[in-house]
Amino acid sequence: MNKLTKTAATLNKIFSIMEKVLFALAIAAAVCIGLILAGWLLGLNPDTIATGYESLDVGFLELQIADTYGPDKWIILLEAAIMLALSGACCLIGRQSVRCIRSILVPISHGQPFHDAVSTNLKKLAVLSLILGAVYNCIGLSEVLISTFAYDLPGLLISEKIPHVSINFTIDISFLIVSGILLLLSYIFRYGSELQHLSDETL
C-alpha cells in the first residue's frame, strides 16, 4: 500500500504540471486566434501574419504550389483559426481530464483507493473522453475539407496520368473503447466503495 500511495503522490505532481502546460497552450491558441482576427479587422496583408501559404503537406508529401495557383490566403488563415480553436478546446478538455485524474489520485495517495471520488471522477473521465474524441475527429475532418477545397487539390492533381482524385477520411472510434473502459471501471470502483462503506458500518 505504501508503494501505491507514493506512486499516486508522484503522479499527482506530474499531472499538476501537465494541467498548467495544457492551460498555457490553450491561452497561446486563443492569442493566435486573436492576432488573426485583428489582422482581418484591420485589413492587414496576410503575409504580415504568417507565411508558407503555397506549401501543403499531404501525408509524406510536401507540395509547393505556384503563386498563380495559390489559395486565398485569408481562407488559409481561417483554416488556421479553426484548427487553433479546436486544438485549444482539446487542451481545455484535456486540462479538465487531468483534474479528474488528480482527484482520483488524491484519495489513493491517502490509502483510500475505493473513495467515492474515484468512481465519480472515472465517470467524468468517460464523458470527457467522448467529447475529446469527437473534437479530435472534427480537427481531422476540418483539415481534410478546408485543405482540399482551399487548395483545390483535385484541380491541381488531375491530369492525363491522374484521371481521378478521391478524398478519404476515416473516423477514429478508439475513444469509444476508452470511454467504455473508464465507465466500466467507474462501476467497479463504485461497487468497491459500497462494499467499503458496508465494511466500515459493520466494524
N, C-alpha and C. Protein backbone atom coordinates (compact mmCIF):
# COMPACT_ATOMS: atom_id res chain seq x y z
N MET A 1 0.82 -1.21 0.00
CA MET A 1 0.00 0.00 0.00
C MET A 1 0.86 1.26 0.00
N ASN A 2 1.99 1.21 0.74
CA ASN A 2 2.87 2.37 0.79
C ASN A 2 3.41 2.73 -0.59
N LYS A 3 3.74 1.68 -1.36
CA LYS A 3 4.25 1.91 -2.71
C LYS A 3 3.17 2.54 -3.60
N LEU A 4 1.94 2.10 -3.42
CA LEU A 4 0.83 2.65 -4.19
C LEU A 4 0.59 4.11 -3.86
N THR A 5 0.61 4.44 -2.57
CA THR A 5 0.36 5.82 -2.16
C THR A 5 1.48 6.76 -2.62
N LYS A 6 2.72 6.28 -2.57
CA LYS A 6 3.85 7.10 -3.03
C LYS A 6 3.78 7.34 -4.54
N THR A 7 3.42 6.29 -5.28
CA THR A 7 3.30 6.42 -6.74
C THR A 7 2.19 7.40 -7.09
N ALA A 8 1.05 7.31 -6.39
CA ALA A 8 -0.07 8.21 -6.64
C ALA A 8 0.32 9.66 -6.34
N ALA A 9 1.07 9.87 -5.26
CA ALA A 9 1.50 11.23 -4.91
C ALA A 9 2.45 11.79 -5.97
N THR A 10 3.35 10.95 -6.48
CA THR A 10 4.28 11.39 -7.52
C THR A 10 3.54 11.73 -8.81
N LEU A 11 2.61 10.86 -9.18
CA LEU A 11 1.83 11.09 -10.40
C LEU A 11 0.99 12.36 -10.27
N ASN A 12 0.49 12.64 -9.08
CA ASN A 12 -0.30 13.85 -8.85
C ASN A 12 0.52 15.10 -9.14
N LYS A 13 1.80 15.08 -8.75
CA LYS A 13 2.68 16.22 -9.01
C LYS A 13 2.93 16.38 -10.51
N ILE A 14 3.13 15.25 -11.20
CA ILE A 14 3.38 15.30 -12.64
C ILE A 14 2.15 15.84 -13.37
N PHE A 15 0.97 15.36 -12.99
CA PHE A 15 -0.26 15.82 -13.64
C PHE A 15 -0.56 17.28 -13.29
N SER A 16 -0.09 17.73 -12.15
CA SER A 16 -0.24 19.14 -11.79
C SER A 16 0.50 20.03 -12.79
N ILE A 17 1.71 19.60 -13.15
CA ILE A 17 2.49 20.34 -14.15
C ILE A 17 1.80 20.27 -15.52
N MET A 18 1.31 19.08 -15.86
CA MET A 18 0.63 18.90 -17.14
C MET A 18 -0.61 19.80 -17.25
N GLU A 19 -1.31 19.94 -16.15
CA GLU A 19 -2.51 20.80 -16.13
C GLU A 19 -2.15 22.25 -16.48
N LYS A 20 -1.05 22.73 -15.91
CA LYS A 20 -0.61 24.10 -16.20
C LYS A 20 -0.15 24.24 -17.65
N VAL A 21 0.53 23.23 -18.17
CA VAL A 21 1.00 23.27 -19.56
C VAL A 21 -0.17 23.32 -20.53
N LEU A 22 -1.19 22.51 -20.30
CA LEU A 22 -2.36 22.48 -21.17
C LEU A 22 -3.09 23.82 -21.15
N PHE A 23 -3.17 24.43 -19.98
CA PHE A 23 -3.82 25.73 -19.88
C PHE A 23 -3.03 26.79 -20.64
N ALA A 24 -1.69 26.72 -20.54
CA ALA A 24 -0.84 27.67 -21.26
C ALA A 24 -1.00 27.50 -22.77
N LEU A 25 -1.10 26.26 -23.23
CA LEU A 25 -1.29 26.01 -24.67
C LEU A 25 -2.64 26.54 -25.14
N ALA A 26 -3.68 26.40 -24.31
CA ALA A 26 -5.00 26.93 -24.66
C ALA A 26 -4.96 28.45 -24.77
N ILE A 27 -4.24 29.10 -23.86
CA ILE A 27 -4.09 30.56 -23.90
C ILE A 27 -3.34 30.98 -25.16
N ALA A 28 -2.27 30.23 -25.50
CA ALA A 28 -1.49 30.55 -26.69
C ALA A 28 -2.35 30.43 -27.95
N ALA A 29 -3.21 29.40 -28.01
CA ALA A 29 -4.10 29.24 -29.15
C ALA A 29 -5.07 30.42 -29.25
N ALA A 30 -5.60 30.86 -28.11
CA ALA A 30 -6.53 31.99 -28.09
C ALA A 30 -5.84 33.27 -28.56
N VAL A 31 -4.59 33.46 -28.16
CA VAL A 31 -3.83 34.65 -28.58
C VAL A 31 -3.61 34.64 -30.09
N CYS A 32 -3.26 33.49 -30.63
CA CYS A 32 -3.05 33.38 -32.09
C CYS A 32 -4.34 33.66 -32.86
N ILE A 33 -5.46 33.15 -32.35
CA ILE A 33 -6.75 33.43 -32.99
C ILE A 33 -7.04 34.92 -32.94
N GLY A 34 -6.73 35.55 -31.81
CA GLY A 34 -6.91 36.99 -31.67
C GLY A 34 -6.09 37.78 -32.68
N LEU A 35 -4.86 37.32 -32.93
CA LEU A 35 -4.00 38.00 -33.90
C LEU A 35 -4.57 37.89 -35.32
N ILE A 36 -5.08 36.71 -35.66
CA ILE A 36 -5.68 36.52 -36.98
C ILE A 36 -6.92 37.39 -37.14
N LEU A 37 -7.75 37.42 -36.10
CA LEU A 37 -8.97 38.24 -36.14
C LEU A 37 -8.63 39.72 -36.24
N ALA A 38 -7.62 40.16 -35.48
CA ALA A 38 -7.22 41.56 -35.52
C ALA A 38 -6.68 41.93 -36.90
N GLY A 39 -5.91 41.01 -37.50
CA GLY A 39 -5.38 41.27 -38.84
C GLY A 39 -6.48 41.39 -39.87
N TRP A 40 -7.52 40.57 -39.74
CA TRP A 40 -8.65 40.62 -40.67
C TRP A 40 -9.45 41.92 -40.50
N LEU A 41 -9.69 42.31 -39.24
CA LEU A 41 -10.46 43.52 -38.97
C LEU A 41 -9.72 44.77 -39.41
N LEU A 42 -8.41 44.76 -39.27
CA LEU A 42 -7.60 45.92 -39.62
C LEU A 42 -7.20 45.93 -41.09
N GLY A 43 -7.55 44.85 -41.81
CA GLY A 43 -7.23 44.77 -43.23
C GLY A 43 -5.74 44.65 -43.52
N LEU A 44 -5.03 43.94 -42.65
CA LEU A 44 -3.59 43.77 -42.83
C LEU A 44 -3.30 42.79 -43.96
N ASN A 45 -2.10 42.90 -44.51
CA ASN A 45 -1.65 41.95 -45.52
C ASN A 45 -1.44 40.60 -44.83
N PRO A 46 -2.03 39.51 -45.36
CA PRO A 46 -1.86 38.19 -44.72
C PRO A 46 -0.40 37.78 -44.55
N ASP A 47 0.49 38.30 -45.42
CA ASP A 47 1.91 37.95 -45.32
C ASP A 47 2.55 38.49 -44.05
N THR A 48 1.92 39.51 -43.44
CA THR A 48 2.46 40.05 -42.19
C THR A 48 2.05 39.19 -40.99
N ILE A 49 1.09 38.29 -41.21
CA ILE A 49 0.60 37.44 -40.12
C ILE A 49 1.26 36.07 -40.14
N ALA A 50 1.42 35.51 -41.34
CA ALA A 50 2.00 34.17 -41.46
C ALA A 50 2.66 34.03 -42.83
N THR A 51 3.34 32.91 -43.02
CA THR A 51 4.00 32.61 -44.29
C THR A 51 3.70 31.16 -44.68
N GLY A 52 4.17 30.77 -45.86
CA GLY A 52 4.03 29.38 -46.28
C GLY A 52 2.66 29.03 -46.80
N TYR A 53 1.95 30.01 -47.36
CA TYR A 53 0.60 29.76 -47.86
C TYR A 53 0.61 28.82 -49.07
N GLU A 54 1.70 28.80 -49.82
CA GLU A 54 1.77 27.98 -51.04
C GLU A 54 2.31 26.57 -50.77
N SER A 55 2.53 26.26 -49.51
CA SER A 55 3.07 24.95 -49.15
C SER A 55 1.97 24.10 -48.51
N LEU A 56 1.87 22.85 -48.95
CA LEU A 56 0.82 21.95 -48.44
C LEU A 56 1.39 20.57 -48.19
N ASP A 57 1.15 20.05 -46.99
CA ASP A 57 1.58 18.69 -46.65
C ASP A 57 0.44 17.72 -46.92
N VAL A 58 0.72 16.70 -47.70
CA VAL A 58 -0.24 15.64 -47.99
C VAL A 58 0.42 14.32 -47.62
N GLY A 59 0.15 13.84 -46.43
CA GLY A 59 0.82 12.62 -45.97
C GLY A 59 2.31 12.85 -45.86
N PHE A 60 3.08 12.03 -46.58
CA PHE A 60 4.54 12.18 -46.54
C PHE A 60 5.04 13.12 -47.64
N LEU A 61 4.12 13.74 -48.40
CA LEU A 61 4.50 14.66 -49.46
C LEU A 61 4.31 16.11 -49.03
N GLU A 62 5.18 16.97 -49.48
CA GLU A 62 5.01 18.42 -49.30
C GLU A 62 4.94 19.05 -50.68
N LEU A 63 3.79 19.65 -50.98
CA LEU A 63 3.57 20.25 -52.29
C LEU A 63 3.83 21.75 -52.22
N GLN A 64 4.64 22.23 -53.13
CA GLN A 64 4.89 23.67 -53.25
C GLN A 64 4.11 24.16 -54.47
N ILE A 65 3.11 24.99 -54.25
CA ILE A 65 2.21 25.43 -55.31
C ILE A 65 2.67 26.77 -55.86
N ALA A 66 2.60 26.91 -57.18
CA ALA A 66 2.99 28.16 -57.83
C ALA A 66 2.08 29.29 -57.36
N ASP A 67 2.64 30.51 -57.30
CA ASP A 67 1.90 31.66 -56.79
C ASP A 67 0.58 31.89 -57.51
N THR A 68 0.58 31.68 -58.83
CA THR A 68 -0.64 31.94 -59.61
C THR A 68 -1.76 30.95 -59.30
N TYR A 69 -1.41 29.79 -58.76
CA TYR A 69 -2.40 28.78 -58.42
C TYR A 69 -2.57 28.64 -56.91
N GLY A 70 -1.97 29.56 -56.20
CA GLY A 70 -2.05 29.51 -54.74
C GLY A 70 -3.44 29.80 -54.22
N PRO A 71 -3.73 29.39 -53.00
CA PRO A 71 -5.06 29.59 -52.42
C PRO A 71 -5.26 31.01 -51.91
N ASP A 72 -6.50 31.34 -51.60
CA ASP A 72 -6.80 32.61 -50.95
C ASP A 72 -6.16 32.57 -49.55
N LYS A 73 -5.31 33.52 -49.27
CA LYS A 73 -4.53 33.48 -48.03
C LYS A 73 -5.42 33.63 -46.80
N TRP A 74 -6.52 34.38 -46.94
CA TRP A 74 -7.41 34.52 -45.79
C TRP A 74 -8.18 33.24 -45.51
N ILE A 75 -8.42 32.44 -46.55
CA ILE A 75 -9.04 31.14 -46.33
C ILE A 75 -8.11 30.23 -45.53
N ILE A 76 -6.82 30.30 -45.85
CA ILE A 76 -5.83 29.51 -45.11
C ILE A 76 -5.75 29.97 -43.66
N LEU A 77 -5.84 31.29 -43.45
CA LEU A 77 -5.83 31.81 -42.09
C LEU A 77 -7.10 31.41 -41.34
N LEU A 78 -8.22 31.35 -42.08
CA LEU A 78 -9.46 30.87 -41.46
C LEU A 78 -9.30 29.42 -41.02
N GLU A 79 -8.68 28.61 -41.88
CA GLU A 79 -8.40 27.22 -41.52
C GLU A 79 -7.54 27.16 -40.26
N ALA A 80 -6.51 28.02 -40.23
CA ALA A 80 -5.62 28.04 -39.06
C ALA A 80 -6.38 28.42 -37.80
N ALA A 81 -7.30 29.39 -37.92
CA ALA A 81 -8.08 29.83 -36.76
C ALA A 81 -9.00 28.70 -36.27
N ILE A 82 -9.62 27.99 -37.22
CA ILE A 82 -10.49 26.87 -36.84
C ILE A 82 -9.69 25.77 -36.15
N MET A 83 -8.53 25.45 -36.73
CA MET A 83 -7.68 24.41 -36.13
C MET A 83 -7.19 24.83 -34.74
N LEU A 84 -6.85 26.11 -34.60
CA LEU A 84 -6.40 26.61 -33.30
C LEU A 84 -7.53 26.55 -32.27
N ALA A 85 -8.75 26.90 -32.72
CA ALA A 85 -9.90 26.87 -31.81
C ALA A 85 -10.17 25.44 -31.34
N LEU A 86 -10.15 24.49 -32.27
CA LEU A 86 -10.39 23.10 -31.91
C LEU A 86 -9.26 22.54 -31.05
N SER A 87 -8.02 22.93 -31.38
CA SER A 87 -6.88 22.47 -30.58
C SER A 87 -6.94 23.06 -29.17
N GLY A 88 -7.33 24.34 -29.09
CA GLY A 88 -7.49 24.97 -27.78
C GLY A 88 -8.56 24.28 -26.96
N ALA A 89 -9.66 23.90 -27.64
CA ALA A 89 -10.73 23.16 -26.95
C ALA A 89 -10.21 21.82 -26.44
N CYS A 90 -9.39 21.15 -27.25
CA CYS A 90 -8.78 19.87 -26.82
C CYS A 90 -7.92 20.08 -25.57
N CYS A 91 -7.18 21.17 -25.56
CA CYS A 91 -6.32 21.46 -24.39
C CYS A 91 -7.16 21.69 -23.14
N LEU A 92 -8.28 22.42 -23.28
CA LEU A 92 -9.13 22.69 -22.13
C LEU A 92 -9.81 21.41 -21.64
N ILE A 93 -10.26 20.59 -22.59
CA ILE A 93 -10.87 19.31 -22.21
C ILE A 93 -9.82 18.41 -21.55
N GLY A 94 -8.61 18.42 -22.13
CA GLY A 94 -7.51 17.66 -21.54
C GLY A 94 -7.18 18.14 -20.14
N ARG A 95 -7.22 19.46 -19.94
CA ARG A 95 -6.95 20.03 -18.62
C ARG A 95 -8.00 19.56 -17.61
N GLN A 96 -9.26 19.55 -18.03
CA GLN A 96 -10.32 19.07 -17.15
C GLN A 96 -10.16 17.59 -16.85
N SER A 97 -9.71 16.83 -17.85
CA SER A 97 -9.45 15.40 -17.65
C SER A 97 -8.33 15.18 -16.65
N VAL A 98 -7.29 16.00 -16.76
CA VAL A 98 -6.17 15.90 -15.81
C VAL A 98 -6.64 16.22 -14.40
N ARG A 99 -7.54 17.19 -14.28
CA ARG A 99 -8.09 17.50 -12.95
C ARG A 99 -8.84 16.30 -12.37
N CYS A 100 -9.58 15.62 -13.22
CA CYS A 100 -10.29 14.41 -12.76
C CYS A 100 -9.30 13.35 -12.30
N ILE A 101 -8.23 13.18 -13.08
CA ILE A 101 -7.21 12.19 -12.72
C ILE A 101 -6.57 12.55 -11.38
N ARG A 102 -6.31 13.83 -11.18
CA ARG A 102 -5.72 14.27 -9.91
C ARG A 102 -6.69 14.04 -8.75
N SER A 103 -7.99 14.24 -9.02
CA SER A 103 -9.00 13.98 -7.99
C SER A 103 -9.07 12.50 -7.64
N ILE A 104 -8.71 11.66 -8.59
CA ILE A 104 -8.65 10.21 -8.34
C ILE A 104 -7.39 9.87 -7.54
N LEU A 105 -6.29 10.53 -7.88
CA LEU A 105 -5.01 10.21 -7.25
C LEU A 105 -4.93 10.67 -5.79
N VAL A 106 -5.65 11.76 -5.46
CA VAL A 106 -5.56 12.29 -4.09
C VAL A 106 -6.02 11.26 -3.04
N PRO A 107 -7.22 10.69 -3.17
CA PRO A 107 -7.59 9.67 -2.15
C PRO A 107 -6.71 8.43 -2.19
N ILE A 108 -6.23 8.07 -3.40
CA ILE A 108 -5.35 6.90 -3.49
C ILE A 108 -4.04 7.17 -2.75
N SER A 109 -3.54 8.41 -2.86
CA SER A 109 -2.29 8.77 -2.17
C SER A 109 -2.46 8.77 -0.66
N HIS A 110 -3.72 8.83 -0.19
CA HIS A 110 -4.00 8.76 1.24
C HIS A 110 -4.45 7.36 1.66
N GLY A 111 -4.23 6.37 0.75
CA GLY A 111 -4.55 4.99 1.09
C GLY A 111 -6.03 4.66 1.03
N GLN A 112 -6.79 5.42 0.19
CA GLN A 112 -8.23 5.17 0.06
C GLN A 112 -8.59 4.95 -1.42
N PRO A 113 -8.21 3.81 -2.00
CA PRO A 113 -8.46 3.57 -3.42
C PRO A 113 -9.94 3.42 -3.76
N PHE A 114 -10.78 3.12 -2.76
CA PHE A 114 -12.22 2.96 -3.01
C PHE A 114 -13.03 4.13 -2.47
N HIS A 115 -12.42 5.29 -2.46
CA HIS A 115 -13.13 6.51 -2.06
C HIS A 115 -14.18 6.85 -3.12
N ASP A 116 -15.27 7.48 -2.70
CA ASP A 116 -16.36 7.84 -3.63
C ASP A 116 -15.86 8.70 -4.79
N ALA A 117 -14.84 9.53 -4.53
CA ALA A 117 -14.33 10.43 -5.57
C ALA A 117 -13.73 9.67 -6.74
N VAL A 118 -13.23 8.47 -6.50
CA VAL A 118 -12.58 7.69 -7.57
C VAL A 118 -13.61 7.30 -8.63
N SER A 119 -14.71 6.68 -8.22
CA SER A 119 -15.72 6.25 -9.19
C SER A 119 -16.39 7.45 -9.86
N THR A 120 -16.62 8.52 -9.10
CA THR A 120 -17.26 9.72 -9.66
C THR A 120 -16.41 10.34 -10.76
N ASN A 121 -15.12 10.45 -10.49
CA ASN A 121 -14.23 11.09 -11.48
C ASN A 121 -13.92 10.17 -12.65
N LEU A 122 -13.96 8.87 -12.44
CA LEU A 122 -13.81 7.94 -13.56
C LEU A 122 -14.98 8.10 -14.54
N LYS A 123 -16.17 8.30 -14.00
CA LYS A 123 -17.35 8.52 -14.85
C LYS A 123 -17.21 9.83 -15.61
N LYS A 124 -16.71 10.87 -14.93
CA LYS A 124 -16.48 12.15 -15.61
C LYS A 124 -15.45 11.99 -16.72
N LEU A 125 -14.41 11.21 -16.45
CA LEU A 125 -13.38 10.96 -17.46
C LEU A 125 -13.96 10.25 -18.68
N ALA A 126 -14.90 9.36 -18.46
CA ALA A 126 -15.55 8.65 -19.57
C ALA A 126 -16.28 9.63 -20.48
N VAL A 127 -16.99 10.57 -19.87
CA VAL A 127 -17.72 11.58 -20.65
C VAL A 127 -16.75 12.50 -21.37
N LEU A 128 -15.70 12.93 -20.67
CA LEU A 128 -14.71 13.83 -21.28
C LEU A 128 -13.98 13.16 -22.44
N SER A 129 -13.73 11.86 -22.32
CA SER A 129 -13.06 11.15 -23.42
C SER A 129 -13.94 11.09 -24.66
N LEU A 130 -15.26 11.01 -24.47
CA LEU A 130 -16.18 11.06 -25.61
C LEU A 130 -16.11 12.42 -26.30
N ILE A 131 -16.13 13.48 -25.49
CA ILE A 131 -16.08 14.83 -26.05
C ILE A 131 -14.74 15.06 -26.74
N LEU A 132 -13.65 14.64 -26.10
CA LEU A 132 -12.33 14.83 -26.66
C LEU A 132 -12.17 14.07 -27.98
N GLY A 133 -12.70 12.85 -28.03
CA GLY A 133 -12.64 12.06 -29.25
C GLY A 133 -13.41 12.70 -30.39
N ALA A 134 -14.59 13.27 -30.07
CA ALA A 134 -15.39 13.94 -31.09
C ALA A 134 -14.67 15.18 -31.62
N VAL A 135 -14.07 15.96 -30.72
CA VAL A 135 -13.34 17.16 -31.15
C VAL A 135 -12.13 16.78 -31.98
N TYR A 136 -11.43 15.73 -31.57
CA TYR A 136 -10.25 15.27 -32.31
C TYR A 136 -10.62 14.88 -33.74
N ASN A 137 -11.74 14.18 -33.90
CA ASN A 137 -12.20 13.82 -35.25
C ASN A 137 -12.61 15.04 -36.05
N CYS A 138 -13.19 16.03 -35.37
CA CYS A 138 -13.55 17.28 -36.05
C CYS A 138 -12.30 18.00 -36.57
N ILE A 139 -11.21 17.93 -35.82
CA ILE A 139 -9.95 18.54 -36.26
C ILE A 139 -9.49 17.88 -37.55
N GLY A 140 -9.48 16.56 -37.58
CA GLY A 140 -9.05 15.84 -38.78
C GLY A 140 -9.94 16.12 -39.97
N LEU A 141 -11.26 16.13 -39.74
CA LEU A 141 -12.20 16.38 -40.83
C LEU A 141 -12.07 17.80 -41.35
N SER A 142 -11.92 18.77 -40.46
CA SER A 142 -11.77 20.17 -40.88
C SER A 142 -10.51 20.35 -41.70
N GLU A 143 -9.43 19.72 -41.27
CA GLU A 143 -8.17 19.83 -42.00
C GLU A 143 -8.31 19.27 -43.42
N VAL A 144 -8.97 18.12 -43.53
CA VAL A 144 -9.14 17.49 -44.85
C VAL A 144 -10.01 18.36 -45.76
N LEU A 145 -11.17 18.79 -45.24
CA LEU A 145 -12.11 19.53 -46.06
C LEU A 145 -11.58 20.90 -46.49
N ILE A 146 -11.06 21.66 -45.51
CA ILE A 146 -10.60 23.01 -45.83
C ILE A 146 -9.38 22.97 -46.74
N SER A 147 -8.46 22.05 -46.46
CA SER A 147 -7.26 21.95 -47.31
C SER A 147 -7.64 21.54 -48.73
N THR A 148 -8.58 20.62 -48.85
CA THR A 148 -8.98 20.13 -50.17
C THR A 148 -9.58 21.24 -51.01
N PHE A 149 -10.52 21.98 -50.41
CA PHE A 149 -11.22 23.00 -51.18
C PHE A 149 -10.43 24.30 -51.29
N ALA A 150 -9.65 24.64 -50.26
CA ALA A 150 -8.86 25.88 -50.33
C ALA A 150 -7.75 25.77 -51.37
N TYR A 151 -7.12 24.62 -51.44
CA TYR A 151 -6.03 24.42 -52.40
C TYR A 151 -6.52 23.80 -53.72
N ASP A 152 -7.81 23.44 -53.78
CA ASP A 152 -8.37 22.81 -54.97
C ASP A 152 -7.49 21.63 -55.42
N LEU A 153 -7.30 20.68 -54.50
CA LEU A 153 -6.42 19.55 -54.78
C LEU A 153 -6.82 18.76 -56.02
N PRO A 154 -8.10 18.44 -56.22
CA PRO A 154 -8.44 17.72 -57.45
C PRO A 154 -8.02 18.46 -58.70
N GLY A 155 -8.24 19.79 -58.71
CA GLY A 155 -7.86 20.59 -59.88
C GLY A 155 -6.36 20.63 -60.10
N LEU A 156 -5.59 20.57 -59.01
CA LEU A 156 -4.14 20.61 -59.12
C LEU A 156 -3.56 19.28 -59.59
N LEU A 157 -4.18 18.18 -59.16
CA LEU A 157 -3.58 16.87 -59.39
C LEU A 157 -4.11 16.14 -60.63
N ILE A 158 -5.37 16.40 -60.98
CA ILE A 158 -5.94 15.68 -62.12
C ILE A 158 -5.24 16.06 -63.43
N SER A 159 -4.83 15.05 -64.14
CA SER A 159 -4.15 15.24 -65.42
C SER A 159 -4.35 13.99 -66.27
N GLU A 160 -3.61 13.89 -67.38
CA GLU A 160 -3.71 12.69 -68.21
C GLU A 160 -3.25 11.45 -67.45
N LYS A 161 -2.27 11.62 -66.57
CA LYS A 161 -1.74 10.49 -65.81
C LYS A 161 -2.55 10.20 -64.55
N ILE A 162 -3.26 11.22 -64.05
CA ILE A 162 -4.10 11.05 -62.86
C ILE A 162 -5.52 11.47 -63.22
N PRO A 163 -6.35 10.53 -63.65
CA PRO A 163 -7.70 10.89 -64.11
C PRO A 163 -8.70 11.18 -63.00
N HIS A 164 -8.40 10.70 -61.79
CA HIS A 164 -9.38 10.88 -60.71
C HIS A 164 -8.67 11.00 -59.36
N VAL A 165 -9.21 11.85 -58.51
CA VAL A 165 -8.67 12.03 -57.16
C VAL A 165 -9.82 11.85 -56.16
N SER A 166 -9.64 10.97 -55.19
CA SER A 166 -10.64 10.74 -54.15
C SER A 166 -10.12 11.26 -52.82
N ILE A 167 -11.00 11.87 -52.07
CA ILE A 167 -10.65 12.36 -50.74
C ILE A 167 -11.27 11.42 -49.71
N ASN A 168 -10.43 10.78 -48.91
CA ASN A 168 -10.89 9.81 -47.91
C ASN A 168 -10.63 10.32 -46.50
N PHE A 169 -11.59 10.06 -45.63
CA PHE A 169 -11.41 10.40 -44.22
C PHE A 169 -11.96 9.27 -43.37
N THR A 170 -11.15 8.77 -42.46
CA THR A 170 -11.55 7.67 -41.59
C THR A 170 -11.76 8.19 -40.18
N ILE A 171 -12.92 7.93 -39.64
CA ILE A 171 -13.22 8.35 -38.27
C ILE A 171 -12.55 7.41 -37.28
N ASP A 172 -11.84 7.98 -36.34
CA ASP A 172 -11.19 7.19 -35.29
C ASP A 172 -12.18 6.98 -34.15
N ILE A 173 -12.59 5.74 -33.94
CA ILE A 173 -13.59 5.45 -32.89
C ILE A 173 -12.96 4.81 -31.65
N SER A 174 -11.63 4.88 -31.57
CA SER A 174 -10.97 4.27 -30.41
C SER A 174 -11.39 4.95 -29.10
N PHE A 175 -11.82 6.23 -29.20
CA PHE A 175 -12.23 6.94 -27.99
C PHE A 175 -13.48 6.31 -27.37
N LEU A 176 -14.30 5.63 -28.20
CA LEU A 176 -15.47 4.95 -27.67
C LEU A 176 -15.06 3.78 -26.78
N ILE A 177 -13.99 3.09 -27.17
CA ILE A 177 -13.49 1.96 -26.38
C ILE A 177 -12.93 2.47 -25.05
N VAL A 178 -12.15 3.56 -25.13
CA VAL A 178 -11.56 4.14 -23.91
C VAL A 178 -12.66 4.60 -22.96
N SER A 179 -13.68 5.27 -23.52
CA SER A 179 -14.79 5.73 -22.70
C SER A 179 -15.52 4.56 -22.05
N GLY A 180 -15.73 3.49 -22.81
CA GLY A 180 -16.40 2.31 -22.26
C GLY A 180 -15.62 1.68 -21.13
N ILE A 181 -14.29 1.59 -21.30
CA ILE A 181 -13.44 1.01 -20.25
C ILE A 181 -13.50 1.86 -18.98
N LEU A 182 -13.43 3.18 -19.15
CA LEU A 182 -13.48 4.08 -17.98
C LEU A 182 -14.83 3.99 -17.27
N LEU A 183 -15.90 3.87 -18.06
CA LEU A 183 -17.22 3.75 -17.46
C LEU A 183 -17.34 2.44 -16.68
N LEU A 184 -16.79 1.36 -17.25
CA LEU A 184 -16.80 0.07 -16.55
C LEU A 184 -16.00 0.15 -15.25
N LEU A 185 -14.84 0.80 -15.31
CA LEU A 185 -14.02 0.96 -14.10
C LEU A 185 -14.75 1.77 -13.04
N SER A 186 -15.52 2.78 -13.48
CA SER A 186 -16.25 3.60 -12.51
C SER A 186 -17.27 2.76 -11.76
N TYR A 187 -17.94 1.82 -12.48
CA TYR A 187 -18.91 0.95 -11.82
C TYR A 187 -18.22 -0.02 -10.86
N ILE A 188 -17.04 -0.51 -11.27
CA ILE A 188 -16.29 -1.43 -10.41
C ILE A 188 -15.87 -0.73 -9.11
N PHE A 189 -15.34 0.49 -9.26
CA PHE A 189 -14.88 1.22 -8.07
C PHE A 189 -16.06 1.70 -7.21
N ARG A 190 -17.20 1.97 -7.85
CA ARG A 190 -18.37 2.34 -7.07
C ARG A 190 -18.85 1.15 -6.23
N TYR A 191 -18.80 -0.03 -6.85
CA TYR A 191 -19.18 -1.25 -6.12
C TYR A 191 -18.20 -1.49 -4.97
N GLY A 192 -16.90 -1.28 -5.23
CA GLY A 192 -15.90 -1.41 -4.18
C GLY A 192 -16.12 -0.40 -3.06
N SER A 193 -16.56 0.82 -3.45
CA SER A 193 -16.83 1.86 -2.45
C SER A 193 -18.01 1.46 -1.56
N GLU A 194 -19.05 0.87 -2.18
CA GLU A 194 -20.22 0.43 -1.41
C GLU A 194 -19.83 -0.69 -0.45
N LEU A 195 -18.98 -1.61 -0.91
CA LEU A 195 -18.51 -2.68 -0.03
C LEU A 195 -17.69 -2.12 1.12
N GLN A 196 -16.90 -1.07 0.82
CA GLN A 196 -16.09 -0.44 1.86
C GLN A 196 -16.97 0.21 2.92
N HIS A 197 -18.05 0.88 2.46
CA HIS A 197 -18.98 1.50 3.41
C HIS A 197 -19.64 0.46 4.29
N LEU A 198 -20.06 -0.67 3.68
CA LEU A 198 -20.68 -1.75 4.45
C LEU A 198 -19.71 -2.31 5.47
N SER A 199 -18.45 -2.45 5.06
CA SER A 199 -17.44 -2.97 5.98
C SER A 199 -17.21 -2.02 7.15
N ASP A 200 -17.18 -0.70 6.84
CA ASP A 200 -16.97 0.29 7.91
C ASP A 200 -18.14 0.30 8.88
N GLU A 201 -19.38 0.15 8.34
CA GLU A 201 -20.55 0.14 9.21
C GLU A 201 -20.56 -1.11 10.10
N THR A 202 -20.08 -2.23 9.54
CA THR A 202 -20.04 -3.47 10.31
C THR A 202 -19.05 -3.35 11.47
N LEU A 203 -17.91 -2.69 11.16
CA LEU A 203 -16.91 -2.51 12.22
C LEU A 203 -17.39 -1.51 13.27
